Amino acid sequence: MGFLSLLKVASMPILQMLIISILGAFMATDYIKLLPSDARRSLNKIVYAVFTPALAFTSLAKTVRLEDIISWWFMPINIGITFLVGGILGWISVQIIKPEPHIRALVIAMCSSGNLGNILLILILQSARRMAVHLEISEESIKKPNKDLEANEKSLLLNGADHSTNKLTKTEVQHNRTAWNQIMGILQQLREEVLAPPILAAMIGLIFGAVTWLRNLVVGENAPLRVINDSIKLLGDGTIPCITLILGGNLTQGLRKAKLKPVIVIAVICVRYIMLPAIGIFVVKAASHLGFLPSDPLYHFMLMIQFTVPPAMNIGPVAILAQVQFKIVNQDNNLEKK
């Protein structure tokens, strides 16, 4: 395959995503009002609870085998490298451009955290389909903030001087109780993550794909439960268009309320789209040369794509929550000074 053919295969998914995103942005404008904020929020819940789990289950149950799961051991390490290198480059960028103190952590988060979910669904699936045609091969929530570590007006850290030595036992009991509450909070958060519909559907899809007799129940021309798999696949086919429409609609908010300095945007773009891709090519090539990766070119492509995706979509809501909490703390401090 020549360079022009490779460029065409690589650019078509991007062009499709841009076209649908522009349509979503146009539908979200005040002139059309077909995709306002409430509609996007409701559609996002449907995508999260129905469409994405359906796509995850059907894709994994059909294509993944037990040997594939074993051979993908390098993927979580690769994701960890993207976060580590992106965080280091983000910290260096913050030291150079020196933004306001309240957005330094946001800049580092944008450089380190990539959108490893929705964007990969769009790019990998569409690229695989294009490659299958040319090469003839087969093919948000806003998390709730952890309040276990928050301090209030009765915090032991602030009022420790008021405790006398005869209350040491009570302090130790409270400390042990706080530590237990933190552990329970972490376990509860882990439980919520595991029981999230996309994660749960992906786990079930991996089980069906790894176990032969379960896969034969739903996948194949003679599968007895093929109609169920086909129905789930119909739901999954709506994932990518809906996600892309929501993405385009959300872009209109940023255009209306952009407050970041251009130098910050340029720094994030340089880190995520210039430095990280170059490092990603080196990491994947080195891992392949050392024999850590299977010979599947699509797997190598996906590992490289993980270094090139834009910042995670959840950074925006998390930043809004952090900004609100920051303002509340400042108001409390001002009231105490008065």
C-alpha atoms as a PDB file:
ATOM      1  CA  MET A   1       0.000   0.000   0.000  1.00  0.00           C
ATOM      2  CA  GLY A   2       1.473   3.362  -1.070  1.00  0.00           C
ATOM      3  CA  PHE A   3       1.715   6.558   0.930  1.00  0.00           C
ATOM      4  CA  LEU A   4      -1.377   8.123  -0.633  1.00  0.00           C
ATOM      5  CA  SER A   5      -3.446   5.022   0.085  1.00  0.00           C
ATOM      6  CA  LEU A   6      -2.249   4.993   3.712  1.00  0.00           C
ATOM      7  CA  LEU A   7      -3.025   8.707   4.024  1.00  0.00           C
ATOM      8  CA  LYS A   8      -6.519   8.117   2.659  1.00  0.00           C
ATOM      9  CA  VAL A   9      -7.177   5.240   5.058  1.00  0.00           C
ATOM     10  CA  ALA A  10      -5.886   7.257   8.027  1.00  0.00           C
ATOM     11  CA  SER A  11      -7.711  10.486   7.161  1.00  0.00           C
ATOM     12  CA  MET A  12     -11.166   9.126   6.371  1.00  0.00           C
ATOM     13  CA  PRO A  13     -12.156   8.381  10.022  1.00  0.00           C
ATOM     14  CA  ILE A  14     -10.977  11.866  11.038  1.00  0.00           C
ATOM     15  CA  LEU A  15     -12.994  13.498   8.252  1.00  0.00           C
ATOM     16  CA  GLN A  16     -16.087  11.493   9.185  1.00  0.00           C
ATOM     17  CA  MET A  17     -15.747  12.502  12.814  1.00  0.00           C
ATOM     18  CA  LEU A  18     -15.262  16.173  11.874  1.00  0.00           C
ATOM     19  CA  ILE A  19     -18.326  16.181   9.605  1.00  0.00           C
ATOM     20  CA  ILE A  20     -20.579  14.632  12.253  1.00  0.00           C
ATOM     21  CA  SER A  21     -19.090  16.913  14.940  1.00  0.00           C
ATOM     22  CA  ILE A  22     -19.843  19.984  12.834  1.00  0.00           C
ATOM     23  CA  LEU A  23     -23.393  18.711  12.412  1.00  0.00           C
ATOM     24  CA  GLY A  24     -23.690  18.267  16.194  1.00  0.00           C
ATOM     25  CA  ALA A  25     -22.336  21.774  16.790  1.00  0.00           C
ATOM     26  CA  PHE A  26     -24.817  23.192  14.258  1.00  0.00           C
ATOM     27  CA  MET A  27     -27.692  21.311  15.918  1.00  0.00           C
ATOM     28  CA  ALA A  28     -26.628  22.723  19.324  1.00  0.00           C
ATOM     29  CA  THR A  29     -26.720  26.371  18.227  1.00  0.00           C
ATOM     30  CA  ASP A  30     -29.448  28.716  19.407  1.00  0.00           C
ATOM     31  CA  TYR A  31     -30.678  28.991  15.817  1.00  0.00           C
ATOM     32  CA  ILE A  32     -31.549  25.277  15.471  1.00  0.00           C
ATOM     33  CA  LYS A  33     -31.966  24.172  19.130  1.00  0.00           C
ATOM     34  CA  LEU A  34     -32.204  20.490  18.212  1.00  0.00           C
ATOM     35  CA  LEU A  35     -29.415  19.479  20.595  1.00  0.00           C
ATOM     36  CA  PRO A  36     -29.463  21.811  23.615  1.00  0.00           C
ATOM     37  CA  SER A  37     -27.646  21.092  26.851  1.00  0.00           C
ATOM     38  CA  ASP A  38     -30.511  19.096  28.396  1.00  0.00           C
ATOM     39  CA  ALA A  39     -30.897  16.975  25.278  1.00  0.00           C
ATOM     40  CA  ARG A  40     -27.151  16.258  25.180  1.00  0.00           C
ATOM     41  CA  ARG A  41     -27.214  15.293  28.838  1.00  0.00           C
ATOM     42  CA  SER A  42     -30.103  12.872  28.309  1.00  0.00           C
ATOM     43  CA  LEU A  43     -28.554  11.434  25.155  1.00  0.00           C
ATOM     44  CA  ASN A  44     -25.255  10.993  26.971  1.00  0.00           C
ATOM     45  CA  LYS A  45     -26.988   8.920  29.667  1.00  0.00           C
ATOM     46  CA  ILE A  46     -28.516   6.671  27.000  1.00  0.00           C
ATOM     47  CA  VAL A  47     -25.139   6.257  25.308  1.00  0.00           C
ATOM     48  CA  TYR A  48     -23.490   5.448  28.628  1.00  0.00           C
ATOM     49  CA  ALA A  49     -26.112   2.972  29.851  1.00  0.00           C
ATOM     50  CA  VAL A  50     -27.279   1.313  26.603  1.00  0.00           C
ATOM     51  CA  PHE A  51     -25.312   2.005  23.415  1.00  0.00           C
ATOM     52  CA  THR A  52     -21.732   1.735  24.691  1.00  0.00           C
ATOM     53  CA  PRO A  53     -22.311  -1.521  26.660  1.00  0.00           C
ATOM     54  CA  ALA A  54     -23.989  -3.041  23.602  1.00  0.00           C
ATOM     55  CA  LEU A  55     -21.054  -2.107  21.360  1.00  0.00           C
ATOM     56  CA  ALA A  56     -18.509  -3.384  23.901  1.00  0.00           C
ATOM     57  CA  PHE A  57     -20.245  -6.732  24.327  1.00  0.00           C
ATOM     58  CA  THR A  58     -20.794  -7.506  20.636  1.00  0.00           C
ATOM     59  CA  SER A  59     -17.304  -6.405  19.578  1.00  0.00           C
ATOM     60  CA  LEU A  60     -15.446  -8.309  22.287  1.00  0.00           C
ATOM     61  CA  ALA A  61     -17.578 -11.454  22.148  1.00  0.00           C
ATOM     62  CA  LYS A  62     -17.064 -11.728  18.386  1.00  0.00           C
ATOM     63  CA  THR A  63     -13.379 -10.876  17.990  1.00  0.00           C
ATOM     64  CA  VAL A  64     -11.546 -11.551  21.279  1.00  0.00           C
ATOM     65  CA  ARG A  65     -10.086 -14.949  22.151  1.00  0.00           C
ATOM     66  CA  LEU A  66      -8.313 -16.137  25.284  1.00  0.00           C
ATOM     67  CA  GLU A  67      -4.911 -16.009  23.591  1.00  0.00           C
ATOM     68  CA  ASP A  68      -5.625 -12.411  22.549  1.00  0.00           C
ATOM     69  CA  ILE A  69      -6.300 -11.393  26.161  1.00  0.00           C
ATOM     70  CA  ILE A  70      -3.000 -12.951  27.217  1.00  0.00           C
ATOM     71  CA  SER A  71      -1.060 -11.277  24.397  1.00  0.00           C
ATOM     72  CA  TRP A  72      -2.444  -7.812  25.304  1.00  0.00           C
ATOM     73  CA  TRP A  73      -0.562  -7.622  28.602  1.00  0.00           C
ATOM     74  CA  PHE A  74       1.492  -4.641  27.381  1.00  0.00           C
ATOM     75  CA  MET A  75      -1.553  -2.409  26.843  1.00  0.00           C
ATOM     76  CA  PRO A  76      -2.034  -1.291  30.502  1.00  0.00           C
ATOM     77  CA  ILE A  77       1.714  -0.611  30.701  1.00  0.00           C
ATOM     78  CA  ASN A  78       1.472   1.483  27.547  1.00  0.00           C
ATOM     79  CA  ILE A  79      -1.420   3.480  29.025  1.00  0.00           C
ATOM     80  CA  GLY A  80       0.598   4.020  32.198  1.00  0.00           C
ATOM     81  CA  ILE A  81       3.506   5.329  30.105  1.00  0.00           C
ATOM     82  CA  THR A  82       1.188   7.824  28.375  1.00  0.00           C
ATOM     83  CA  PHE A  83       0.034   9.179  31.740  1.00  0.00           C
ATOM     84  CA  LEU A  84       3.560   9.298  33.174  1.00  0.00           C
ATOM     85  CA  VAL A  85       5.229  10.953  30.192  1.00  0.00           C
ATOM     86  CA  GLY A  86       2.284  13.317  29.629  1.00  0.00           C
ATOM     87  CA  GLY A  87       2.330  14.338  33.293  1.00  0.00           C
ATOM     88  CA  ILE A  88       6.072  15.050  33.170  1.00  0.00           C
ATOM     89  CA  LEU A  89       5.748  17.095  29.974  1.00  0.00           C
ATOM     90  CA  GLY A  90       2.749  18.924  31.455  1.00  0.00           C
ATOM     91  CA  TRP A  91       4.735  19.796  34.596  1.00  0.00           C
ATOM     92  CA  ILE A  92       7.597  21.109  32.446  1.00  0.00           C
ATOM     93  CA  SER A  93       5.118  23.187  30.420  1.00  0.00           C
ATOM     94  CA  VAL A  94       3.667  24.659  33.611  1.00  0.00           C
ATOM     95  CA  GLN A  95       7.160  25.650  34.789  1.00  0.00           C
ATOM     96  CA  ILE A  96       7.822  27.377  31.471  1.00  0.00           C
ATOM     97  CA  ILE A  97       4.562  29.219  30.758  1.00  0.00           C
ATOM     98  CA  LYS A  98       3.720  29.840  34.467  1.00  0.00           C
ATOM     99  CA  PRO A  99      -0.116  29.969  34.302  1.00  0.00           C
ATOM    100  CA  GLU A 100      -2.377  31.030  37.154  1.00  0.00           C
ATOM    101  CA  PRO A 101      -2.026  28.795  40.238  1.00  0.00           C
ATOM    102  CA  HIS A 102      -5.611  27.525  40.101  1.00  0.00           C
ATOM    103  CA  ILE A 103      -5.242  26.058  36.584  1.00  0.00           C
ATOM    104  CA  ARG A 104      -1.757  24.531  36.843  1.00  0.00           C
ATOM    105  CA  ALA A 105      -3.136  21.155  37.870  1.00  0.00           C
ATOM    106  CA  LEU A 106      -5.670  21.400  35.033  1.00  0.00           C
ATOM    107  CA  VAL A 107      -2.903  21.946  32.456  1.00  0.00           C
ATOM    108  CA  ILE A 108      -0.960  18.940  33.780  1.00  0.00           C
ATOM    109  CA  ALA A 109      -4.142  16.828  33.707  1.00  0.00           C
ATOM    110  CA  MET A 110      -4.877  17.818  30.109  1.00  0.00           C
ATOM    111  CA  CYS A 111      -1.349  16.859  29.085  1.00  0.00           C
ATOM    112  CA  SER A 112      -1.372  13.506  30.887  1.00  0.00           C
ATOM    113  CA  SER A 113      -4.971  12.227  30.610  1.00  0.00           C
ATOM    114  CA  GLY A 114      -6.080  11.226  27.136  1.00  0.00           C
ATOM    115  CA  ASN A 115      -9.509  10.284  25.842  1.00  0.00           C
ATOM    116  CA  LEU A 116      -8.929   6.525  25.766  1.00  0.00           C
ATOM    117  CA  GLY A 117     -12.606   5.628  25.410  1.00  0.00           C
ATOM    118  CA  ASN A 118     -14.843   7.432  22.945  1.00  0.00           C
ATOM    119  CA  ILE A 119     -12.217   8.624  20.488  1.00  0.00           C
ATOM    120  CA  LEU A 120     -10.611   5.184  20.263  1.00  0.00           C
ATOM    121  CA  LEU A 121     -14.015   3.659  19.546  1.00  0.00           C
ATOM    122  CA  ILE A 122     -14.408   5.971  16.579  1.00  0.00           C
ATOM    123  CA  LEU A 123     -10.884   5.867  15.175  1.00  0.00           C
ATOM    124  CA  ILE A 124     -10.064   2.190  15.644  1.00  0.00           C
ATOM    125  CA  LEU A 125     -13.375   0.851  14.341  1.00  0.00           C
ATOM    126  CA  GLN A 126     -13.476   3.126  11.319  1.00  0.00           C
ATOM    127  CA  SER A 127      -9.786   2.563  10.546  1.00  0.00           C
ATOM    128  CA  ALA A 128     -10.234  -1.193  10.818  1.00  0.00           C
ATOM    129  CA  ARG A 129     -13.135  -1.080   8.385  1.00  0.00           C
ATOM    130  CA  ARG A 130     -11.166   1.032   5.923  1.00  0.00           C
ATOM    131  CA  MET A 131      -8.146  -1.245   6.223  1.00  0.00           C
ATOM    132  CA  ALA A 132     -10.382  -4.262   5.691  1.00  0.00           C
ATOM    133  CA  VAL A 133     -11.599  -2.770   2.423  1.00  0.00           C
ATOM    134  CA  HIS A 134      -8.132  -1.867   1.130  1.00  0.00           C
ATOM    135  CA  LEU A 135      -6.163  -4.816   2.476  1.00  0.00           C
ATOM    136  CA  GLU A 136      -8.983  -7.392   2.278  1.00  0.00           C
ATOM    137  CA  ILE A 137      -8.640  -8.452   5.909  1.00  0.00           C
ATOM    138  CA  SER A 138     -11.384  -9.171   8.477  1.00  0.00           C
ATOM    139  CA  GLU A 139     -12.205  -7.139  10.844  1.00  0.00           C
ATOM    140  CA  GLU A 140     -18.792  10.547  32.062  1.00  0.00           C
ATOM    141  CA  SER A 141     -20.109  10.980  34.214  1.00  0.00           C
ATOM    142  CA  ILE A 142     -19.110  13.015  36.165  1.00  0.00           C
ATOM    143  CA  LYS A 143     -17.531  11.052  38.927  1.00  0.00           C
ATOM    144  CA  LYS A 144     -18.553  12.024  42.329  1.00  0.00           C
ATOM    145  CA  PRO A 145     -15.708  13.728  44.205  1.00  0.00           C
ATOM    146  CA  ASN A 146     -14.176  11.773  47.045  1.00  0.00           C
ATOM    147  CA  LYS A 147     -15.188  13.634  50.204  1.00  0.00           C
ATOM    148  CA  ASP A 148     -13.381  11.338  52.608  1.00  0.00           C
ATOM    149  CA  LEU A 149     -10.293  13.582  52.693  1.00  0.00           C
ATOM    150  CA  GLU A 150     -12.089  16.927  52.889  1.00  0.00           C
ATOM    151  CA  ALA A 151     -11.547  19.102  55.941  1.00  0.00           C
ATOM    152  CA  ASN A 152     -14.311  21.052  57.665  1.00  0.00           C
ATOM    153  CA  GLU A 153     -14.680  23.327  60.664  1.00  0.00           C
ATOM    154  CA  LYS A 154     -14.402  20.330  63.009  1.00  0.00           C
ATOM    155  CA  SER A 155     -11.351  18.759  61.400  1.00  0.00           C
ATOM    156  CA  LEU A 156      -8.734  17.329  63.745  1.00  0.00           C
ATOM    157  CA  LEU A 157      -6.050  18.960  61.609  1.00  0.00           C
ATOM    158  CA  LEU A 158      -7.419  22.434  62.365  1.00  0.00           C
ATOM    159  CA  ASN A 159      -8.445  21.891  65.990  1.00  0.00           C
ATOM    160  CA  GLY A 160      -5.678  19.549  67.094  1.00  0.00           C
ATOM    161  CA  ALA A 161      -4.340  22.106  69.556  1.00  0.00           C
ATOM    162  CA  ASP A 162      -7.612  22.020  71.492  1.00  0.00           C
ATOM    163  CA  HIS A 163      -7.320  18.317  72.323  1.00  0.00           C
ATOM    164  CA  SER A 164      -5.667  17.484  75.586  1.00  0.00           C
ATOM    165  CA  THR A 165      -3.608  14.418  76.384  1.00  0.00           C
ATOM    166  CA  ASN A 166      -6.424  12.718  78.272  1.00  0.00           C
ATOM    167  CA  LYS A 167      -8.351  12.464  74.967  1.00  0.00           C
ATOM    168  CA  LEU A 168      -5.581  10.603  73.148  1.00  0.00           C
ATOM    169  CA  THR A 169      -7.536   7.350  73.084  1.00  0.00           C
ATOM    170  CA  LYS A 170     -10.534   9.071  71.564  1.00  0.00           C
ATOM    171  CA  THR A 171      -8.301  10.657  68.930  1.00  0.00           C
ATOM    172  CA  GLU A 172      -6.818   7.275  68.024  1.00  0.00           C
ATOM    173  CA  VAL A 173     -10.293   5.777  67.729  1.00  0.00           C
ATOM    174  CA  GLN A 174     -11.366   8.611  65.472  1.00  0.00           C
ATOM    175  CA  HIS A 175      -8.192   8.220  63.433  1.00  0.00           C
ATOM    176  CA  ASN A 176      -8.805   4.496  62.982  1.00  0.00           C
ATOM    177  CA  ARG A 177     -12.412   5.198  62.083  1.00  0.00           C
ATOM    178  CA  THR A 178     -11.312   7.785  59.511  1.00  0.00           C
ATOM    179  CA  ALA A 179      -8.824   5.346  57.994  1.00  0.00           C
ATOM    180  CA  TRP A 180     -11.536   2.674  57.838  1.00  0.00           C
ATOM    181  CA  ASN A 181     -13.917   5.135  56.203  1.00  0.00           C
ATOM    182  CA  GLN A 182     -11.246   5.962  53.615  1.00  0.00           C
ATOM    183  CA  ILE A 183     -10.720   2.275  52.839  1.00  0.00           C
ATOM    184  CA  MET A 184     -14.463   1.724  52.557  1.00  0.00           C
ATOM    185  CA  GLY A 185     -14.738   4.780  50.327  1.00  0.00           C
ATOM    186  CA  ILE A 186     -12.036   3.451  47.992  1.00  0.00           C
ATOM    187  CA  LEU A 187     -13.700   0.030  47.873  1.00  0.00           C
ATOM    188  CA  GLN A 188     -17.068   1.642  47.200  1.00  0.00           C
ATOM    189  CA  GLN A 189     -15.610   3.738  44.402  1.00  0.00           C
ATOM    190  CA  LEU A 190     -13.926   0.645  42.928  1.00  0.00           C
ATOM    191  CA  ARG A 191     -17.228  -1.225  43.138  1.00  0.00           C
ATOM    192  CA  GLU A 192     -19.035   1.586  41.311  1.00  0.00           C
ATOM    193  CA  GLU A 193     -16.370   1.591  38.595  1.00  0.00           C
ATOM    194  CA  VAL A 194     -16.560  -2.169  38.080  1.00  0.00           C
ATOM    195  CA  LEU A 195     -20.371  -2.153  38.032  1.00  0.00           C
ATOM    196  CA  ALA A 196     -20.527   0.693  35.495  1.00  0.00           C
ATOM    197  CA  PRO A 197     -22.508  -0.504  32.439  1.00  0.00           C
ATOM    198  CA  PRO A 198     -19.648  -0.230  29.879  1.00  0.00           C
ATOM    199  CA  ILE A 199     -17.125  -1.972  32.166  1.00  0.00           C
ATOM    200  CA  LEU A 200     -19.607  -4.688  33.110  1.00  0.00           C
ATOM    201  CA  ALA A 201     -20.534  -5.283  29.462  1.00  0.00           C
ATOM    202  CA  ALA A 202     -16.863  -5.421  28.470  1.00  0.00           C
ATOM    203  CA  MET A 203     -16.148  -8.021  31.166  1.00  0.00           C
ATOM    204  CA  ILE A 204     -19.089 -10.151  30.019  1.00  0.00           C
ATOM    205  CA  GLY A 205     -17.974  -9.780  26.399  1.00  0.00           C
ATOM    206  CA  LEU A 206     -14.451 -10.920  27.302  1.00  0.00           C
ATOM    207  CA  ILE A 207     -15.880 -13.960  29.087  1.00  0.00           C
ATOM    208  CA  PHE A 208     -18.065 -14.875  26.107  1.00  0.00           C
ATOM    209  CA  GLY A 209     -15.161 -14.373  23.723  1.00  0.00           C
ATOM    210  CA  ALA A 210     -12.708 -16.413  25.805  1.00  0.00           C
ATOM    211  CA  VAL A 211     -15.067 -19.367  26.463  1.00  0.00           C
ATOM    212  CA  THR A 212     -15.758 -21.210  23.217  1.00  0.00           C
ATOM    213  CA  TRP A 213     -19.126 -22.736  24.082  1.00  0.00           C
ATOM    214  CA  LEU A 214     -20.476 -19.399  25.336  1.00  0.00           C
ATOM    215  CA  ARG A 215     -19.318 -17.671  22.156  1.00  0.00           C
ATOM    216  CA  ASN A 216     -21.012 -20.322  20.020  1.00  0.00           C
ATOM    217  CA  LEU A 217     -24.303 -19.530  21.759  1.00  0.00           C
ATOM    218  CA  VAL A 218     -24.486 -15.987  20.397  1.00  0.00           C
ATOM    219  CA  VAL A 219     -21.917 -15.659  17.600  1.00  0.00           C
ATOM    220  CA  GLY A 220     -22.088 -17.471  14.279  1.00  0.00           C
ATOM    221  CA  GLU A 221     -24.585 -18.371  11.577  1.00  0.00           C
ATOM    222  CA  ASN A 222     -25.899 -21.388  13.516  1.00  0.00           C
ATOM    223  CA  ALA A 223     -25.836 -19.825  17.011  1.00  0.00           C
ATOM    224  CA  PRO A 224     -29.121 -20.539  18.869  1.00  0.00           C
ATOM    225  CA  LEU A 225     -29.147 -17.061  20.460  1.00  0.00           C
ATOM    226  CA  ARG A 226     -27.966 -15.210  17.376  1.00  0.00           C
ATOM    227  CA  VAL A 227     -31.064 -12.988  17.324  1.00  0.00           C
ATOM    228  CA  ILE A 228     -30.121 -11.606  20.751  1.00  0.00           C
ATOM    229  CA  ASN A 229     -26.613 -10.779  19.575  1.00  0.00           C
ATOM    230  CA  ASP A 230     -27.983  -9.130  16.408  1.00  0.00           C
ATOM    231  CA  SER A 231     -30.390  -7.020  18.496  1.00  0.00           C
ATOM    232  CA  ILE A 232     -27.566  -5.901  20.786  1.00  0.00           C
ATOM    233  CA  LYS A 233     -25.451  -5.104  17.735  1.00  0.00           C
ATOM    234  CA  LEU A 234     -28.195  -2.814  16.398  1.00  0.00           C
ATOM    235  CA  LEU A 235     -28.034  -0.866  19.646  1.00  0.00           C
ATOM    236  CA  GLY A 236     -24.256  -0.731  19.524  1.00  0.00           C
ATOM    237  CA  ASP A 237     -24.272   0.718  16.009  1.00  0.00           C
ATOM    238  CA  GLY A 238     -25.772   3.926  17.409  1.00  0.00           C
ATOM    239  CA  THR A 239     -22.847   4.542  19.777  1.00  0.00           C
ATOM    240  CA  ILE A 240     -20.399   6.297  17.474  1.00  0.00           C
ATOM    241  CA  PRO A 241     -22.869   8.717  15.783  1.00  0.00           C
ATOM    242  CA  CYS A 242     -24.393   9.739  19.116  1.00  0.00           C
ATOM    243  CA  ILE A 243     -21.009  10.219  20.803  1.00  0.00           C
ATOM    244  CA  THR A 244     -19.765  12.342  17.916  1.00  0.00           C
ATOM    245  CA  LEU A 245     -22.911  14.499  17.888  1.00  0.00           C
ATOM    246  CA  ILE A 246     -22.545  15.080  21.644  1.00  0.00           C
ATOM    247  CA  LEU A 247     -18.875  15.952  21.141  1.00  0.00           C
ATOM    248  CA  GLY A 248     -19.720  18.521  18.482  1.00  0.00           C
ATOM    249  CA  GLY A 249     -22.490  20.016  20.600  1.00  0.00           C
ATOM    250  CA  ASN A 250     -20.171  20.368  23.593  1.00  0.00           C
ATOM    251  CA  LEU A 251     -17.635  22.250  21.491  1.00  0.00           C
ATOM    252  CA  THR A 252     -20.049  25.171  21.196  1.00  0.00           C
ATOM    253  CA  GLN A 253     -19.791  25.766  24.954  1.00  0.00           C
ATOM    254  CA  GLY A 254     -16.035  26.130  24.733  1.00  0.00           C
ATOM    255  CA  LEU A 255     -16.299  28.586  21.847  1.00  0.00           C
ATOM    256  CA  ARG A 256     -18.693  30.781  23.824  1.00  0.00           C
ATOM    257  CA  LYS A 257     -16.852  30.714  27.162  1.00  0.00           C
ATOM    258  CA  ALA A 258     -13.183  30.396  26.245  1.00  0.00           C
ATOM    259  CA  LYS A 259     -11.071  32.012  28.998  1.00  0.00           C
ATOM    260  CA  LEU A 260      -7.723  30.224  28.703  1.00  0.00           C
ATOM    261  CA  LYS A 261      -4.749  32.113  27.353  1.00  0.00           C
ATOM    262  CA  PRO A 262      -3.631  31.095  23.858  1.00  0.00           C
ATOM    263  CA  VAL A 263      -0.187  30.106  25.158  1.00  0.00           C
ATOM    264  CA  ILE A 264      -1.790  27.468  27.406  1.00  0.00           C
ATOM    265  CA  VAL A 265      -3.744  25.993  24.488  1.00  0.00           C
ATOM    266  CA  ILE A 266      -0.594  25.976  22.334  1.00  0.00           C
ATOM    267  CA  ALA A 267       1.372  24.234  25.103  1.00  0.00           C
ATOM    268  CA  VAL A 268      -1.236  21.477  25.478  1.00  0.00           C
ATOM    269  CA  ILE A 269      -1.405  21.021  21.692  1.00  0.00           C
ATOM    270  CA  CYS A 270       2.397  20.718  21.464  1.00  0.00           C
ATOM    271  CA  VAL A 271       2.514  18.145  24.259  1.00  0.00           C
ATOM    272  CA  ARG A 272      -0.420  15.999  23.151  1.00  0.00           C
ATOM    273  CA  TYR A 273      -0.043  16.174  19.369  1.00  0.00           C
ATOM    274  CA  ILE A 274       3.703  16.624  18.784  1.00  0.00           C
ATOM    275  CA  MET A 275       5.793  15.354  21.702  1.00  0.00           C
ATOM    276  CA  LEU A 276       3.640  12.448  22.907  1.00  0.00           C
ATOM    277  CA  PRO A 277       3.122  10.923  19.412  1.00  0.00           C
ATOM    278  CA  ALA A 278       6.880  10.993  18.789  1.00  0.00           C
ATOM    279  CA  ILE A 279       7.511   9.308  22.135  1.00  0.00           C
ATOM    280  CA  GLY A 280       4.698   6.829  21.423  1.00  0.00           C
ATOM    281  CA  ILE A 281       6.299   5.737  18.155  1.00  0.00           C
ATOM    282  CA  PHE A 282       9.583   5.140  19.977  1.00  0.00           C
ATOM    283  CA  VAL A 283       7.892   3.187  22.809  1.00  0.00           C
ATOM    284  CA  VAL A 284       5.863   0.930  20.494  1.00  0.00           C
ATOM    285  CA  LYS A 285       8.801   0.301  18.155  1.00  0.00           C
ATOM    286  CA  ALA A 286      11.064  -0.506  21.109  1.00  0.00           C
ATOM    287  CA  ALA A 287       8.485  -2.862  22.641  1.00  0.00           C
ATOM    288  CA  SER A 288       8.026  -4.587  19.297  1.00  0.00           C
ATOM    289  CA  HIS A 289      11.791  -4.912  18.803  1.00  0.00           C
ATOM    290  CA  LEU A 290      12.133  -6.486  22.270  1.00  0.00           C
ATOM    291  CA  GLY A 291       9.414  -9.024  21.460  1.00  0.00           C
ATOM    292  CA  PHE A 292       6.804  -7.686  23.893  1.00  0.00           C
ATOM    293  CA  LEU A 293       4.108  -7.254  21.237  1.00  0.00           C
ATOM    294  CA  PRO A 294       2.362  -9.698  18.900  1.00  0.00           C
ATOM    295  CA  SER A 295       2.742  -9.222  15.154  1.00  0.00           C
ATOM    296  CA  ASP A 296      -0.755  -7.752  14.691  1.00  0.00           C
ATOM    297  CA  PRO A 297      -0.320  -4.338  12.971  1.00  0.00           C
ATOM    298  CA  LEU A 298      -3.726  -3.124  14.161  1.00  0.00           C
ATOM    299  CA  TYR A 299      -2.637  -3.743  17.763  1.00  0.00           C
ATOM    300  CA  HIS A 300       0.532  -1.695  17.173  1.00  0.00           C
ATOM    301  CA  PHE A 301      -1.586   1.046  15.604  1.00  0.00           C
ATOM    302  CA  MET A 302      -3.911   1.138  18.623  1.00  0.00           C
ATOM    303  CA  LEU A 303      -0.962   1.429  21.019  1.00  0.00           C
ATOM    304  CA  MET A 304       0.371   4.386  19.025  1.00  0.00           C
ATOM    305  CA  ILE A 305      -3.067   6.007  18.880  1.00  0.00           C
ATOM    306  CA  GLN A 306      -3.173   5.993  22.702  1.00  0.00           C
ATOM    307  CA  PHE A 307      -0.360   8.577  22.616  1.00  0.00           C
ATOM    308  CA  THR A 308      -2.207  10.874  20.175  1.00  0.00           C
ATOM    309  CA  VAL A 309      -5.756  11.176  21.512  1.00  0.00           C
ATOM    310  CA  PRO A 310      -7.021  14.556  22.792  1.00  0.00           C
ATOM    311  CA  PRO A 311      -7.458  15.276  26.510  1.00  0.00           C
ATOM    312  CA  ALA A 312     -10.077  13.266  28.373  1.00  0.00           C
ATOM    313  CA  MET A 313     -13.627  14.637  28.230  1.00  0.00           C
ATOM    314  CA  ASN A 314     -14.129  14.210  31.998  1.00  0.00           C
ATOM    315  CA  ILE A 315     -11.445  16.803  32.737  1.00  0.00           C
ATOM    316  CA  GLY A 316     -13.978  19.576  32.058  1.00  0.00           C
ATOM    317  CA  PRO A 317     -16.566  18.497  34.653  1.00  0.00           C
ATOM    318  CA  VAL A 318     -13.835  17.699  37.185  1.00  0.00           C
ATOM    319  CA  ALA A 319     -12.317  21.146  36.631  1.00  0.00           C
ATOM    320  CA  ILE A 320     -15.727  22.765  37.162  1.00  0.00           C
ATOM    321  CA  LEU A 321     -16.153  20.888  40.469  1.00  0.00           C
ATOM    322  CA  ALA A 322     -12.642  21.862  41.570  1.00  0.00           C
ATOM    323  CA  GLN A 323     -13.282  25.503  40.651  1.00  0.00           C
ATOM    324  CA  VAL A 324     -16.522  25.545  42.652  1.00  0.00           C
ATOM    325  CA  GLN A 325     -14.800  24.016  45.685  1.00  0.00           C
ATOM    326  CA  PHE A 326     -11.935  26.507  45.307  1.00  0.00           C
ATOM    327  CA  LYS A 327     -14.374  29.417  45.381  1.00  0.00           C
ATOM    328  CA  ILE A 328     -16.164  27.993  48.435  1.00  0.00           C
ATOM    329  CA  VAL A 329     -12.879  27.655  50.331  1.00  0.00           C
ATOM    330  CA  ASN A 330     -11.926  31.241  49.438  1.00  0.00           C
ATOM    331  CA  GLN A 331     -15.299  32.505  50.635  1.00  0.00           C
ATOM    332  CA  ASP A 332     -14.907  30.642  53.929  1.00  0.00           C
ATOM    333  CA  ASN A 333     -11.416  32.080  54.392  1.00  0.00           C
ATOM    334  CA  ASN A 334     -12.677  35.602  53.725  1.00  0.00           C
ATOM    335  CA  LEU A 335     -15.486  35.175  56.249  1.00  0.00           C
ATOM    336  CA  GLU A 336     -13.024  33.922  58.889  1.00  0.00           C
ATOM    337  CA  LYS A 337     -10.766  36.927  58.312  1.00  0.00           C
ATOM    338  CA  LYS A 338     -13.718  39.295  58.762  1.00  0.00           C
END
